[in-house]
N, C-alpha and C. Protein backbone atom coordinates (compact mmCIF):
# COMPACT_ATOMS: atom_id res chain seq x y z
N MET A 1 -164.45 82.43 261.48
CA MET A 1 -165.55 83.27 261.07
C MET A 1 -166.23 82.60 259.88
N THR A 2 -167.52 82.49 259.94
CA THR A 2 -168.31 81.85 258.90
C THR A 2 -168.99 82.91 258.07
N ASP A 3 -168.89 82.73 256.77
CA ASP A 3 -169.54 83.67 255.87
C ASP A 3 -170.79 83.00 255.31
N SER A 4 -171.93 83.49 255.61
CA SER A 4 -173.16 82.91 255.07
C SER A 4 -173.84 83.93 254.18
N THR A 5 -174.39 83.43 253.12
CA THR A 5 -175.06 84.29 252.17
C THR A 5 -176.52 83.89 252.13
N SER A 6 -177.38 84.83 252.24
CA SER A 6 -178.81 84.55 252.17
C SER A 6 -179.32 84.92 250.79
N VAL A 7 -180.22 84.09 250.30
CA VAL A 7 -180.83 84.36 249.01
C VAL A 7 -182.30 84.62 249.25
N TRP A 8 -182.75 85.76 248.78
CA TRP A 8 -184.16 86.10 248.94
C TRP A 8 -184.84 85.99 247.59
N VAL A 9 -185.92 85.27 247.57
CA VAL A 9 -186.69 85.10 246.34
C VAL A 9 -188.03 85.78 246.56
N THR A 10 -188.33 86.72 245.69
CA THR A 10 -189.59 87.45 245.82
C THR A 10 -190.70 86.69 245.12
N SER A 11 -191.92 87.09 245.38
CA SER A 11 -193.05 86.44 244.72
C SER A 11 -193.02 86.72 243.22
N SER A 12 -192.49 87.87 242.82
CA SER A 12 -192.35 88.18 241.40
C SER A 12 -191.36 87.21 240.74
N ASP A 13 -190.24 86.92 241.43
CA ASP A 13 -189.28 85.95 240.92
C ASP A 13 -189.91 84.58 240.77
N MET A 14 -190.70 84.17 241.74
CA MET A 14 -191.37 82.87 241.69
C MET A 14 -192.37 82.81 240.54
N ALA A 15 -193.05 83.91 240.28
CA ALA A 15 -194.01 83.94 239.17
C ALA A 15 -193.29 83.74 237.84
N TRP A 16 -192.16 84.42 237.66
CA TRP A 16 -191.39 84.27 236.42
C TRP A 16 -190.84 82.85 236.30
N LEU A 17 -190.36 82.30 237.40
CA LEU A 17 -189.83 80.94 237.39
C LEU A 17 -190.93 79.94 237.03
N SER A 18 -192.10 80.13 237.60
CA SER A 18 -193.24 79.25 237.29
C SER A 18 -193.61 79.33 235.82
N LEU A 19 -193.62 80.54 235.29
CA LEU A 19 -193.95 80.73 233.88
C LEU A 19 -192.92 80.03 232.98
N LEU A 20 -191.64 80.16 233.29
CA LEU A 20 -190.59 79.51 232.51
C LEU A 20 -190.72 77.99 232.57
N ILE A 21 -191.04 77.46 233.73
CA ILE A 21 -191.21 76.01 233.86
C ILE A 21 -192.40 75.55 233.03
N LEU A 22 -193.51 76.27 233.09
CA LEU A 22 -194.69 75.90 232.31
C LEU A 22 -194.41 75.96 230.81
N LEU A 23 -193.69 76.98 230.38
CA LEU A 23 -193.34 77.08 228.97
C LEU A 23 -192.43 75.92 228.56
N GLY A 24 -191.50 75.57 229.41
CA GLY A 24 -190.61 74.46 229.13
C GLY A 24 -191.36 73.15 229.03
N LEU A 25 -192.37 72.96 229.86
CA LEU A 25 -193.17 71.74 229.79
C LEU A 25 -194.04 71.71 228.55
N ALA A 26 -194.43 72.86 228.07
CA ALA A 26 -195.31 72.92 226.90
C ALA A 26 -194.55 72.69 225.60
N LEU A 27 -193.25 72.97 225.57
CA LEU A 27 -192.49 72.84 224.33
C LEU A 27 -192.52 71.45 223.71
N PRO A 28 -192.36 70.37 224.46
CA PRO A 28 -192.37 69.06 223.82
C PRO A 28 -193.69 68.71 223.15
N ALA A 29 -194.77 69.40 223.49
CA ALA A 29 -196.06 69.09 222.89
C ALA A 29 -196.03 69.27 221.38
N GLY A 30 -195.22 70.17 220.88
CA GLY A 30 -195.11 70.38 219.44
C GLY A 30 -194.22 69.37 218.75
N ALA A 31 -193.60 68.48 219.51
CA ALA A 31 -192.68 67.50 218.93
C ALA A 31 -193.39 66.49 218.05
N ASP A 32 -194.72 66.38 218.15
CA ASP A 32 -195.46 65.46 217.30
C ASP A 32 -195.48 65.92 215.85
N GLN A 33 -195.29 67.20 215.64
CA GLN A 33 -195.28 67.74 214.29
C GLN A 33 -193.88 67.57 213.71
N PRO A 34 -193.77 66.93 212.54
CA PRO A 34 -192.44 66.75 211.98
C PRO A 34 -191.84 68.09 211.54
N PRO A 35 -190.52 68.19 211.61
CA PRO A 35 -189.87 69.42 211.12
C PRO A 35 -190.17 69.63 209.64
N ALA A 36 -189.96 70.84 209.17
CA ALA A 36 -190.27 71.18 207.78
C ALA A 36 -189.55 70.27 206.80
N GLU A 37 -188.29 69.91 207.09
CA GLU A 37 -187.53 69.04 206.18
C GLU A 37 -188.20 67.67 206.04
N VAL A 38 -188.71 67.15 207.14
CA VAL A 38 -189.38 65.84 207.11
C VAL A 38 -190.70 65.95 206.35
N SER A 39 -191.45 67.02 206.59
CA SER A 39 -192.71 67.22 205.88
C SER A 39 -192.48 67.32 204.38
N THR A 40 -191.46 68.05 203.98
CA THR A 40 -191.15 68.19 202.55
C THR A 40 -190.74 66.84 201.97
N PHE A 41 -189.90 66.10 202.69
CA PHE A 41 -189.47 64.77 202.24
C PHE A 41 -190.68 63.85 202.04
N LEU A 42 -191.60 63.85 202.99
CA LEU A 42 -192.79 62.99 202.87
C LEU A 42 -193.70 63.44 201.73
N ALA A 43 -193.81 64.75 201.54
CA ALA A 43 -194.66 65.27 200.46
C ALA A 43 -194.12 64.89 199.09
N THR A 44 -192.80 64.83 198.96
CA THR A 44 -192.21 64.44 197.67
C THR A 44 -192.14 62.92 197.50
N THR A 45 -192.37 62.19 198.59
CA THR A 45 -192.29 60.73 198.55
C THR A 45 -193.65 60.09 198.26
N PHE A 46 -194.68 60.62 198.89
CA PHE A 46 -196.03 60.07 198.75
C PHE A 46 -196.96 61.13 198.21
N GLN A 47 -197.92 60.72 197.37
CA GLN A 47 -198.92 61.70 196.92
C GLN A 47 -199.70 62.19 198.12
N GLU A 48 -200.05 61.27 198.98
CA GLU A 48 -200.70 61.61 200.24
C GLU A 48 -199.98 60.84 201.33
N ALA A 49 -199.29 61.55 202.20
CA ALA A 49 -198.47 60.88 203.21
C ALA A 49 -199.34 60.02 204.13
N PRO A 50 -198.97 58.74 204.28
CA PRO A 50 -199.70 57.88 205.21
C PRO A 50 -199.39 58.28 206.65
N GLU A 51 -200.17 57.75 207.57
CA GLU A 51 -199.91 58.04 208.98
C GLU A 51 -198.60 57.39 209.40
N ALA A 52 -197.94 58.04 210.33
CA ALA A 52 -196.69 57.50 210.86
C ALA A 52 -196.97 56.23 211.65
N ARG A 53 -196.05 55.29 211.55
CA ARG A 53 -196.11 54.04 212.31
C ARG A 53 -194.81 53.93 213.10
N ASP A 54 -194.78 52.96 213.98
CA ASP A 54 -193.59 52.75 214.81
C ASP A 54 -193.12 51.31 214.71
N ILE A 55 -191.83 51.14 214.78
CA ILE A 55 -191.22 49.82 214.93
C ILE A 55 -190.30 49.91 216.14
N TRP A 56 -190.32 48.88 216.95
CA TRP A 56 -189.53 48.85 218.18
C TRP A 56 -188.25 48.07 217.97
N LEU A 57 -187.13 48.68 218.34
CA LEU A 57 -185.84 48.01 218.23
C LEU A 57 -185.60 47.21 219.51
N THR A 58 -186.05 45.97 219.49
CA THR A 58 -185.88 45.09 220.64
C THR A 58 -185.36 43.74 220.16
N GLY A 59 -184.83 42.97 221.08
CA GLY A 59 -184.40 41.60 220.79
C GLY A 59 -183.41 41.52 219.64
N ASP A 60 -183.69 40.56 218.73
CA ASP A 60 -182.81 40.31 217.59
C ASP A 60 -182.69 41.52 216.67
N LEU A 61 -183.78 42.26 216.50
CA LEU A 61 -183.73 43.44 215.62
C LEU A 61 -182.78 44.49 216.19
N ARG A 62 -182.80 44.66 217.49
CA ARG A 62 -181.88 45.61 218.13
C ARG A 62 -180.43 45.17 217.93
N THR A 63 -180.18 43.87 218.06
CA THR A 63 -178.83 43.33 217.87
C THR A 63 -178.37 43.54 216.43
N ARG A 64 -179.24 43.27 215.47
CA ARG A 64 -178.88 43.45 214.06
C ARG A 64 -178.65 44.92 213.73
N ALA A 65 -179.45 45.82 214.32
CA ALA A 65 -179.25 47.26 214.12
C ALA A 65 -177.90 47.68 214.72
N ARG A 66 -177.58 47.14 215.88
CA ARG A 66 -176.29 47.45 216.52
C ARG A 66 -175.13 46.96 215.65
N ASP A 67 -175.29 45.80 215.01
CA ASP A 67 -174.24 45.28 214.13
C ASP A 67 -173.99 46.22 212.95
N ILE A 68 -175.04 46.83 212.44
CA ILE A 68 -174.90 47.77 211.33
C ILE A 68 -174.24 49.07 211.78
N LEU A 69 -174.75 49.63 212.87
CA LEU A 69 -174.29 50.95 213.32
C LEU A 69 -172.99 50.91 214.12
N ARG A 70 -172.70 49.76 214.70
CA ARG A 70 -171.57 49.60 215.63
C ARG A 70 -171.84 50.28 216.97
N HIS A 71 -173.09 50.58 217.23
CA HIS A 71 -173.54 51.12 218.52
C HIS A 71 -175.05 51.00 218.53
N ASP A 72 -175.65 51.18 219.71
CA ASP A 72 -177.12 51.15 219.80
C ASP A 72 -177.69 52.38 219.13
N TYR A 73 -178.82 52.20 218.44
CA TYR A 73 -179.52 53.36 217.90
C TYR A 73 -180.05 54.14 219.10
N PRO A 74 -180.02 55.48 219.07
CA PRO A 74 -180.38 56.26 220.25
C PRO A 74 -181.86 56.16 220.66
N GLN A 75 -182.70 55.63 219.80
CA GLN A 75 -184.12 55.49 220.14
C GLN A 75 -184.51 54.02 220.05
N VAL A 76 -185.40 53.60 220.92
CA VAL A 76 -185.89 52.23 220.88
C VAL A 76 -187.07 52.14 219.92
N ARG A 77 -187.78 53.24 219.76
CA ARG A 77 -188.93 53.29 218.86
C ARG A 77 -188.57 54.16 217.66
N VAL A 78 -188.71 53.58 216.46
CA VAL A 78 -188.37 54.30 215.23
C VAL A 78 -189.64 54.51 214.43
N GLN A 79 -189.85 55.74 214.02
CA GLN A 79 -191.03 56.08 213.24
C GLN A 79 -190.78 55.87 211.75
N TYR A 80 -191.81 55.40 211.04
CA TYR A 80 -191.72 55.24 209.59
C TYR A 80 -193.10 55.44 208.97
N TRP A 81 -193.12 55.53 207.65
CA TRP A 81 -194.36 55.72 206.90
C TRP A 81 -194.42 54.62 205.86
N ARG A 82 -195.61 54.05 205.65
CA ARG A 82 -195.73 52.93 204.70
C ARG A 82 -197.00 53.08 203.87
N SER A 83 -196.83 52.82 202.58
CA SER A 83 -197.95 52.73 201.66
C SER A 83 -197.67 51.54 200.74
N GLY A 84 -198.42 50.47 200.90
CA GLY A 84 -198.18 49.25 200.13
C GLY A 84 -196.84 48.65 200.50
N SER A 85 -196.00 48.41 199.49
CA SER A 85 -194.67 47.83 199.73
C SER A 85 -193.60 48.91 199.88
N ARG A 86 -194.02 50.14 199.94
CA ARG A 86 -193.09 51.28 199.98
C ARG A 86 -193.04 51.87 201.39
N THR A 87 -191.83 52.05 201.91
CA THR A 87 -191.67 52.65 203.23
C THR A 87 -190.72 53.84 203.14
N ALA A 88 -190.91 54.77 204.05
CA ALA A 88 -190.02 55.93 204.16
C ALA A 88 -189.53 56.01 205.60
N TRP A 89 -188.25 56.29 205.74
CA TRP A 89 -187.59 56.32 207.04
C TRP A 89 -186.84 57.63 207.20
N VAL A 90 -186.90 58.21 208.39
CA VAL A 90 -186.11 59.39 208.71
C VAL A 90 -185.25 59.00 209.90
N LEU A 91 -183.95 58.90 209.66
CA LEU A 91 -183.02 58.37 210.65
C LEU A 91 -181.86 59.34 210.86
N ASP A 92 -181.25 59.25 212.02
CA ASP A 92 -180.10 60.10 212.36
C ASP A 92 -178.88 59.24 212.69
N GLU A 93 -177.72 59.74 212.27
CA GLU A 93 -176.45 59.11 212.63
C GLU A 93 -175.39 60.20 212.71
N ILE A 94 -174.47 60.02 213.64
CA ILE A 94 -173.38 60.99 213.79
C ILE A 94 -172.42 60.83 212.62
N GLY A 95 -172.05 61.96 212.01
CA GLY A 95 -171.02 61.94 210.98
C GLY A 95 -169.68 61.91 211.68
N LYS A 96 -169.06 63.06 211.81
CA LYS A 96 -167.82 63.15 212.60
C LYS A 96 -168.15 63.54 214.03
N GLU A 97 -168.95 64.61 214.16
CA GLU A 97 -169.27 65.11 215.50
C GLU A 97 -170.75 65.40 215.70
N ARG A 98 -171.48 65.62 214.62
CA ARG A 98 -172.87 66.06 214.72
C ARG A 98 -173.79 65.09 213.98
N PRO A 99 -175.07 65.04 214.37
CA PRO A 99 -176.00 64.14 213.68
C PRO A 99 -176.31 64.60 212.25
N ILE A 100 -176.50 63.63 211.39
CA ILE A 100 -176.94 63.85 210.02
C ILE A 100 -178.33 63.20 209.94
N THR A 101 -179.32 63.95 209.51
CA THR A 101 -180.68 63.42 209.37
C THR A 101 -180.90 63.05 207.92
N VAL A 102 -181.26 61.79 207.69
CA VAL A 102 -181.37 61.26 206.34
C VAL A 102 -182.76 60.65 206.14
N GLY A 103 -183.34 60.90 204.97
CA GLY A 103 -184.58 60.25 204.57
C GLY A 103 -184.26 59.17 203.56
N VAL A 104 -184.81 57.97 203.79
CA VAL A 104 -184.57 56.84 202.89
C VAL A 104 -185.92 56.25 202.50
N VAL A 105 -186.11 56.07 201.19
CA VAL A 105 -187.34 55.45 200.68
C VAL A 105 -186.97 54.08 200.13
N ILE A 106 -187.72 53.06 200.57
CA ILE A 106 -187.50 51.69 200.14
C ILE A 106 -188.77 51.20 199.45
N ASP A 107 -188.60 50.53 198.32
CA ASP A 107 -189.74 49.92 197.63
C ASP A 107 -189.30 48.54 197.15
N HIS A 108 -190.08 47.52 197.51
CA HIS A 108 -189.77 46.13 197.14
C HIS A 108 -188.33 45.76 197.49
N ASP A 109 -187.92 46.08 198.72
CA ASP A 109 -186.60 45.73 199.26
C ASP A 109 -185.42 46.38 198.54
N ARG A 110 -185.69 47.44 197.78
CA ARG A 110 -184.62 48.19 197.10
C ARG A 110 -184.73 49.67 197.46
N VAL A 111 -183.58 50.31 197.53
CA VAL A 111 -183.56 51.75 197.81
C VAL A 111 -184.11 52.48 196.59
N GLU A 112 -185.09 53.32 196.85
CA GLU A 112 -185.62 54.17 195.79
C GLU A 112 -184.94 55.53 195.82
N LYS A 113 -184.72 56.02 197.05
CA LYS A 113 -184.16 57.38 197.17
C LYS A 113 -183.50 57.54 198.53
N VAL A 114 -182.37 58.24 198.56
CA VAL A 114 -181.72 58.67 199.80
C VAL A 114 -181.59 60.18 199.71
N SER A 115 -182.05 60.86 200.75
CA SER A 115 -181.97 62.33 200.79
C SER A 115 -181.40 62.77 202.13
N VAL A 116 -180.42 63.66 202.09
CA VAL A 116 -179.92 64.25 203.33
C VAL A 116 -180.85 65.40 203.66
N LEU A 117 -181.58 65.26 204.77
CA LEU A 117 -182.57 66.27 205.15
C LEU A 117 -181.95 67.40 205.96
N VAL A 118 -181.06 67.05 206.89
CA VAL A 118 -180.39 68.07 207.70
C VAL A 118 -178.93 67.65 207.86
N TYR A 119 -178.02 68.52 207.43
CA TYR A 119 -176.58 68.26 207.56
C TYR A 119 -176.00 69.28 208.52
N ARG A 120 -175.46 68.83 209.64
CA ARG A 120 -175.01 69.73 210.69
C ARG A 120 -173.50 69.83 210.83
N GLU A 121 -172.75 69.03 210.08
CA GLU A 121 -171.29 69.06 210.17
C GLU A 121 -170.73 70.29 209.46
N SER A 122 -169.52 70.69 209.83
CA SER A 122 -168.91 71.85 209.18
C SER A 122 -168.23 71.47 207.86
N ARG A 123 -167.93 70.18 207.68
CA ARG A 123 -167.30 69.71 206.45
C ARG A 123 -168.03 68.48 205.94
N GLY A 124 -167.82 68.16 204.68
CA GLY A 124 -168.39 66.94 204.12
C GLY A 124 -169.78 67.11 203.56
N TRP A 125 -170.21 68.35 203.39
CA TRP A 125 -171.56 68.63 202.90
C TRP A 125 -171.83 68.05 201.51
N GLU A 126 -170.79 67.60 200.83
CA GLU A 126 -170.97 67.05 199.48
C GLU A 126 -171.87 65.81 199.47
N VAL A 127 -172.04 65.16 200.64
CA VAL A 127 -172.93 63.99 200.69
C VAL A 127 -174.38 64.38 200.42
N LYS A 128 -174.70 65.67 200.49
CA LYS A 128 -176.06 66.13 200.18
C LYS A 128 -176.34 66.13 198.68
N SER A 129 -175.30 66.09 197.89
CA SER A 129 -175.43 66.20 196.44
C SER A 129 -176.21 65.02 195.85
N PRO A 130 -177.19 65.32 194.98
CA PRO A 130 -177.91 64.24 194.30
C PRO A 130 -176.98 63.31 193.52
N ALA A 131 -175.87 63.83 193.03
CA ALA A 131 -174.90 62.98 192.32
C ALA A 131 -174.33 61.91 193.25
N PHE A 132 -174.14 62.27 194.52
CA PHE A 132 -173.65 61.28 195.48
C PHE A 132 -174.77 60.33 195.91
N THR A 133 -175.91 60.87 196.32
CA THR A 133 -176.98 60.02 196.86
C THR A 133 -177.60 59.10 195.80
N ALA A 134 -177.46 59.44 194.52
CA ALA A 134 -177.99 58.59 193.45
C ALA A 134 -177.32 57.22 193.43
N GLN A 135 -176.12 57.11 193.99
CA GLN A 135 -175.43 55.82 194.03
C GLN A 135 -176.21 54.76 194.80
N PHE A 136 -177.06 55.20 195.71
CA PHE A 136 -177.80 54.26 196.54
C PHE A 136 -179.04 53.70 195.83
N SER A 137 -179.49 54.36 194.78
CA SER A 137 -180.71 53.93 194.08
C SER A 137 -180.57 52.48 193.59
N GLY A 138 -181.57 51.67 193.94
CA GLY A 138 -181.58 50.28 193.53
C GLY A 138 -180.81 49.35 194.45
N ALA A 139 -180.10 49.90 195.43
CA ALA A 139 -179.31 49.05 196.34
C ALA A 139 -180.24 48.22 197.21
N ARG A 140 -179.74 47.07 197.59
CA ARG A 140 -180.47 46.19 198.52
C ARG A 140 -179.47 45.55 199.46
N LEU A 141 -179.97 44.86 200.44
CA LEU A 141 -179.08 44.19 201.38
C LEU A 141 -178.60 42.87 200.79
N ALA A 142 -177.32 42.61 200.95
CA ALA A 142 -176.73 41.33 200.60
C ALA A 142 -176.05 40.80 201.87
N ASP A 143 -176.04 39.53 202.05
CA ASP A 143 -175.42 38.94 203.25
C ASP A 143 -176.04 39.48 204.54
N GLY A 144 -177.29 39.81 204.51
CA GLY A 144 -178.00 40.22 205.72
C GLY A 144 -177.89 41.68 206.10
N THR A 145 -176.68 42.25 206.09
CA THR A 145 -176.55 43.63 206.55
C THR A 145 -175.65 44.51 205.69
N GLN A 146 -175.13 43.99 204.58
CA GLN A 146 -174.25 44.78 203.72
C GLN A 146 -175.00 45.21 202.46
N LEU A 147 -174.62 46.35 201.90
CA LEU A 147 -175.20 46.76 200.63
C LEU A 147 -174.65 45.88 199.51
N ASP A 148 -175.43 45.69 198.48
CA ASP A 148 -175.02 44.84 197.37
C ASP A 148 -174.10 45.55 196.38
N ARG A 149 -173.66 46.73 196.73
CA ARG A 149 -172.78 47.50 195.84
C ARG A 149 -171.85 48.39 196.66
N ASP A 150 -170.78 48.81 196.01
CA ASP A 150 -169.86 49.75 196.64
C ASP A 150 -170.37 51.16 196.41
N ILE A 151 -170.19 52.01 197.40
CA ILE A 151 -170.54 53.43 197.30
C ILE A 151 -169.24 54.21 197.26
N ASP A 152 -169.06 55.02 196.23
CA ASP A 152 -167.84 55.82 196.11
C ASP A 152 -167.78 56.83 197.24
N GLY A 153 -166.59 56.97 197.81
CA GLY A 153 -166.39 57.92 198.89
C GLY A 153 -166.17 59.33 198.38
N ILE A 154 -166.07 60.24 199.32
CA ILE A 154 -165.78 61.64 199.02
C ILE A 154 -164.61 62.05 199.91
N SER A 155 -163.55 62.55 199.29
CA SER A 155 -162.39 62.97 200.04
C SER A 155 -162.78 64.06 201.05
N GLY A 156 -162.43 63.85 202.30
CA GLY A 156 -162.76 64.81 203.34
C GLY A 156 -164.12 64.59 203.97
N ALA A 157 -164.87 63.60 203.48
CA ALA A 157 -166.22 63.34 204.02
C ALA A 157 -166.40 61.86 204.35
N THR A 158 -165.31 61.19 204.66
CA THR A 158 -165.35 59.75 204.89
C THR A 158 -166.37 59.35 205.95
N LEU A 159 -166.40 60.05 207.07
CA LEU A 159 -167.32 59.68 208.15
C LEU A 159 -168.78 59.98 207.79
N SER A 160 -169.01 61.02 207.02
CA SER A 160 -170.36 61.33 206.56
C SER A 160 -170.84 60.29 205.57
N VAL A 161 -169.95 59.85 204.68
CA VAL A 161 -170.29 58.79 203.72
C VAL A 161 -170.65 57.52 204.48
N ARG A 162 -169.84 57.17 205.47
CA ARG A 162 -170.12 55.97 206.27
C ARG A 162 -171.47 56.09 206.98
N ALA A 163 -171.77 57.27 207.49
CA ALA A 163 -173.05 57.47 208.18
C ALA A 163 -174.22 57.22 207.23
N LEU A 164 -174.14 57.73 206.01
CA LEU A 164 -175.21 57.50 205.04
C LEU A 164 -175.31 56.02 204.66
N GLN A 165 -174.19 55.36 204.53
CA GLN A 165 -174.22 53.93 204.23
C GLN A 165 -174.89 53.15 205.36
N LYS A 166 -174.51 53.46 206.59
CA LYS A 166 -175.11 52.78 207.75
C LYS A 166 -176.61 53.01 207.81
N LEU A 167 -177.03 54.25 207.62
CA LEU A 167 -178.46 54.55 207.72
C LEU A 167 -179.25 53.88 206.60
N THR A 168 -178.66 53.80 205.42
CA THR A 168 -179.33 53.12 204.31
C THR A 168 -179.48 51.63 204.62
N ARG A 169 -178.43 51.03 205.14
CA ARG A 169 -178.49 49.62 205.52
C ARG A 169 -179.52 49.40 206.62
N LEU A 170 -179.55 50.31 207.59
CA LEU A 170 -180.53 50.19 208.67
C LEU A 170 -181.95 50.31 208.14
N ALA A 171 -182.19 51.26 207.24
CA ALA A 171 -183.53 51.42 206.67
C ALA A 171 -183.96 50.17 205.92
N LEU A 172 -183.04 49.57 205.17
CA LEU A 172 -183.35 48.33 204.46
C LEU A 172 -183.70 47.20 205.44
N LEU A 173 -182.94 47.10 206.51
CA LEU A 173 -183.21 46.08 207.52
C LEU A 173 -184.58 46.29 208.16
N LEU A 174 -184.86 47.53 208.56
CA LEU A 174 -186.15 47.83 209.20
C LEU A 174 -187.30 47.61 208.23
N HIS A 175 -187.10 47.98 206.97
CA HIS A 175 -188.12 47.75 205.95
C HIS A 175 -188.44 46.26 205.85
N GLN A 176 -187.41 45.44 205.75
CA GLN A 176 -187.62 43.99 205.66
C GLN A 176 -188.40 43.48 206.87
N GLN A 177 -188.10 44.01 208.03
CA GLN A 177 -188.78 43.58 209.25
C GLN A 177 -190.26 43.93 209.19
N THR A 178 -190.59 45.12 208.71
CA THR A 178 -192.00 45.52 208.66
C THR A 178 -192.76 44.70 207.62
N ILE A 179 -192.10 44.34 206.53
CA ILE A 179 -192.74 43.55 205.49
C ILE A 179 -192.93 42.11 205.95
N THR A 180 -191.91 41.51 206.56
CA THR A 180 -192.02 40.11 206.99
C THR A 180 -192.96 39.95 208.17
N GLU A 181 -193.10 40.97 209.00
CA GLU A 181 -194.07 40.90 210.09
C GLU A 181 -195.47 41.04 209.57
N GLY A 182 -195.61 41.40 208.29
CA GLY A 182 -196.93 41.51 207.68
C GLY A 182 -197.72 42.69 208.17
N LYS A 183 -197.04 43.71 208.68
CA LYS A 183 -197.75 44.91 209.11
C LYS A 183 -198.31 45.60 207.87
N PRO A 184 -199.59 45.90 207.86
CA PRO A 184 -200.17 46.54 206.65
C PRO A 184 -199.63 47.93 206.41
């Protein structure tokens, strides 16, 4: 004996389904607007925020980024903002289990500021503290991909500390690339 089940879809059901699909397609359209945390970060970084630019992680740059992160960056195109020799980067890296969104400002190949914009982990939130992020001020790359100084860790936040170190190193690398390519 075969048991078959019929599913009836009414025109009202189809109308609701169509509406949900259209709404779902419309949602990414707002993705061009940066989240409030990014807007605040840019407003405190630049008197007048420059237009966003893109750098593509391809070839040697992709390999060097992978060497820093120990994995591929999840995006091939990375957005940044530049005014003169100063660049701002908003990058994500997994702490223990969740992404940490960090803003890094570089000026003349040195870190000016590191800010944790969004912290999603349940532990290790101490990396958001200005006392911790101030350690990065003035840091630059030494030996191609390492910071020129040690960053003190935080007990219980080892992976979050490493994530911030990696993102700072990546921002410095990307900054150098934009400057040496002579992009205005």
